[in-house]
Amino acid sequence: MVRACRANASDAILCTVLGQNAVHGAFAGFSGITSGICNTHYAFLPITEVITTPKHVNPNSRMWHRCLTSTGQPDFH
């Protein structure tokens, strides 16, 4: 998990659960997977599917401005 601000308790819990799921997947014999959240459920996701399309962030979107506000970053756009 990459963050631009200090982690909080929710981040610690999320990282713990994702890490435990990744270990469970490895012990189950899976390779080429990552653990993530899909439709509010934790799931094993094939890395090839996760990276098939590039992810883009609209610098004019409300989500991006909320991110800037919560992390205290300046808006250079």
C-alpha atoms as a PDB file:
ATOM      1  CA  MET A   1       0.000   0.000   0.000  1.00  0.00           C
ATOM      2  CA  VAL A   2       1.397   3.368  -0.994  1.00  0.00           C
ATOM      3  CA  ARG A   3       0.290   6.361   1.043  1.00  0.00           C
ATOM      4  CA  ALA A   4       1.195  10.027   1.041  1.00  0.00           C
ATOM      5  CA  CYS A   5       0.195  10.527   4.664  1.00  0.00           C
ATOM      6  CA  ARG A   6       0.653   8.739   7.968  1.00  0.00           C
ATOM      7  CA  ALA A   7      -1.100   5.380   8.260  1.00  0.00           C
ATOM      8  CA  ASN A   8      -3.985   5.081  10.686  1.00  0.00           C
ATOM      9  CA  ALA A   9      -5.583   2.113  12.447  1.00  0.00           C
ATOM     10  CA  SER A  10      -7.801   1.265   9.456  1.00  0.00           C
ATOM     11  CA  ASP A  11      -4.741   1.112   7.203  1.00  0.00           C
ATOM     12  CA  ALA A  12      -2.990  -1.196   9.651  1.00  0.00           C
ATOM     13  CA  ILE A  13      -5.969  -3.552   9.706  1.00  0.00           C
ATOM     14  CA  LEU A  14      -6.309  -3.524   5.911  1.00  0.00           C
ATOM     15  CA  CYS A  15      -2.602  -4.234   5.401  1.00  0.00           C
ATOM     16  CA  THR A  16      -2.719  -7.057   7.957  1.00  0.00           C
ATOM     17  CA  VAL A  17      -5.702  -8.708   6.262  1.00  0.00           C
ATOM     18  CA  LEU A  18      -4.221  -8.323   2.765  1.00  0.00           C
ATOM     19  CA  GLY A  19      -0.898  -9.744   3.961  1.00  0.00           C
ATOM     20  CA  GLN A  20      -2.553 -12.703   5.667  1.00  0.00           C
ATOM     21  CA  ASN A  21      -4.615 -13.412   2.552  1.00  0.00           C
ATOM     22  CA  ALA A  22      -1.477 -13.323   0.402  1.00  0.00           C
ATOM     23  CA  VAL A  23       0.212 -15.841   2.709  1.00  0.00           C
ATOM     24  CA  HIS A  24      -2.867 -18.087   2.643  1.00  0.00           C
ATOM     25  CA  GLY A  25      -2.799 -17.978  -1.159  1.00  0.00           C
ATOM     26  CA  ALA A  26       0.895 -18.872  -1.237  1.00  0.00           C
ATOM     27  CA  PHE A  27       0.403 -21.783   1.172  1.00  0.00           C
ATOM     28  CA  ALA A  28      -2.514 -22.964  -0.984  1.00  0.00           C
ATOM     29  CA  GLY A  29      -0.109 -23.214  -3.921  1.00  0.00           C
ATOM     30  CA  PHE A  30      -1.205 -20.180  -5.902  1.00  0.00           C
ATOM     31  CA  SER A  31       1.383 -18.098  -7.720  1.00  0.00           C
ATOM     32  CA  GLY A  32       0.986 -14.999  -9.862  1.00  0.00           C
ATOM     33  CA  ILE A  33      -1.766 -13.611  -7.636  1.00  0.00           C
ATOM     34  CA  THR A  34      -2.304 -10.651  -5.386  1.00  0.00           C
ATOM     35  CA  SER A  35      -4.873 -10.218  -2.675  1.00  0.00           C
ATOM     36  CA  GLY A  36      -7.330  -7.374  -2.920  1.00  0.00           C
ATOM     37  CA  ILE A  37     -10.869  -6.217  -2.383  1.00  0.00           C
ATOM     38  CA  CYS A  38     -13.457  -6.879  -5.079  1.00  0.00           C
ATOM     39  CA  ASN A  39     -17.096  -5.881  -4.464  1.00  0.00           C
ATOM     40  CA  THR A  40     -16.475  -5.599  -0.693  1.00  0.00           C
ATOM     41  CA  HIS A  41     -15.015  -9.131  -0.524  1.00  0.00           C
ATOM     42  CA  TYR A  42     -11.372 -10.090  -0.151  1.00  0.00           C
ATOM     43  CA  ALA A  43     -10.251 -12.091  -3.169  1.00  0.00           C
ATOM     44  CA  PHE A  44      -7.216 -13.508  -4.927  1.00  0.00           C
ATOM     45  CA  LEU A  45      -6.700 -11.537  -8.130  1.00  0.00           C
ATOM     46  CA  PRO A  46      -4.469 -12.710 -11.001  1.00  0.00           C
ATOM     47  CA  ILE A  47      -1.663 -10.202 -11.463  1.00  0.00           C
ATOM     48  CA  THR A  48      -2.002 -10.439 -15.255  1.00  0.00           C
ATOM     49  CA  GLU A  49      -5.614  -9.224 -14.995  1.00  0.00           C
ATOM     50  CA  VAL A  50      -4.762  -6.453 -12.554  1.00  0.00           C
ATOM     51  CA  ILE A  51      -2.139  -4.930 -14.864  1.00  0.00           C
ATOM     52  CA  THR A  52      -3.866  -5.394 -18.243  1.00  0.00           C
ATOM     53  CA  THR A  53      -5.133  -1.829 -18.541  1.00  0.00           C
ATOM     54  CA  PRO A  54      -3.302   1.232 -17.259  1.00  0.00           C
ATOM     55  CA  LYS A  55      -4.972   3.087 -14.426  1.00  0.00           C
ATOM     56  CA  HIS A  56      -5.560   6.797 -14.988  1.00  0.00           C
ATOM     57  CA  VAL A  57      -6.511   9.494 -12.513  1.00  0.00           C
ATOM     58  CA  ASN A  58      -8.451  12.509 -13.704  1.00  0.00           C
ATOM     59  CA  PRO A  59      -6.680  15.510 -12.101  1.00  0.00           C
ATOM     60  CA  ASN A  60      -9.949  17.465 -12.256  1.00  0.00           C
ATOM     61  CA  SER A  61     -12.058  14.846 -10.498  1.00  0.00           C
ATOM     62  CA  ARG A  62     -13.600  15.267  -7.087  1.00  0.00           C
ATOM     63  CA  MET A  63     -11.852  12.090  -5.901  1.00  0.00           C
ATOM     64  CA  TRP A  64      -8.407  13.495  -6.750  1.00  0.00           C
ATOM     65  CA  HIS A  65      -9.125  16.808  -5.022  1.00  0.00           C
ATOM     66  CA  ARG A  66     -10.283  14.943  -1.921  1.00  0.00           C
ATOM     67  CA  CYS A  67      -7.021  12.997  -2.004  1.00  0.00           C
ATOM     68  CA  LEU A  68      -5.016  16.223  -2.236  1.00  0.00           C
ATOM     69  CA  THR A  69      -6.959  17.759   0.628  1.00  0.00           C
ATOM     70  CA  SER A  70      -6.625  14.747   2.918  1.00  0.00           C
ATOM     71  CA  THR A  71      -2.879  14.409   2.297  1.00  0.00           C
ATOM     72  CA  GLY A  72      -2.119  18.125   2.444  1.00  0.00           C
ATOM     73  CA  GLN A  73      -0.520  18.208  -0.998  1.00  0.00           C
ATOM     74  CA  PRO A  74      -0.594  21.365  -3.113  1.00  0.00           C
ATOM     75  CA  ASP A  75      -2.646  21.451  -6.313  1.00  0.00           C
ATOM     76  CA  PHE A  76      -0.194  22.258  -9.125  1.00  0.00           C
ATOM     77  CA  HIS A  77      -2.787  21.710 -11.844  1.00  0.00           C
END
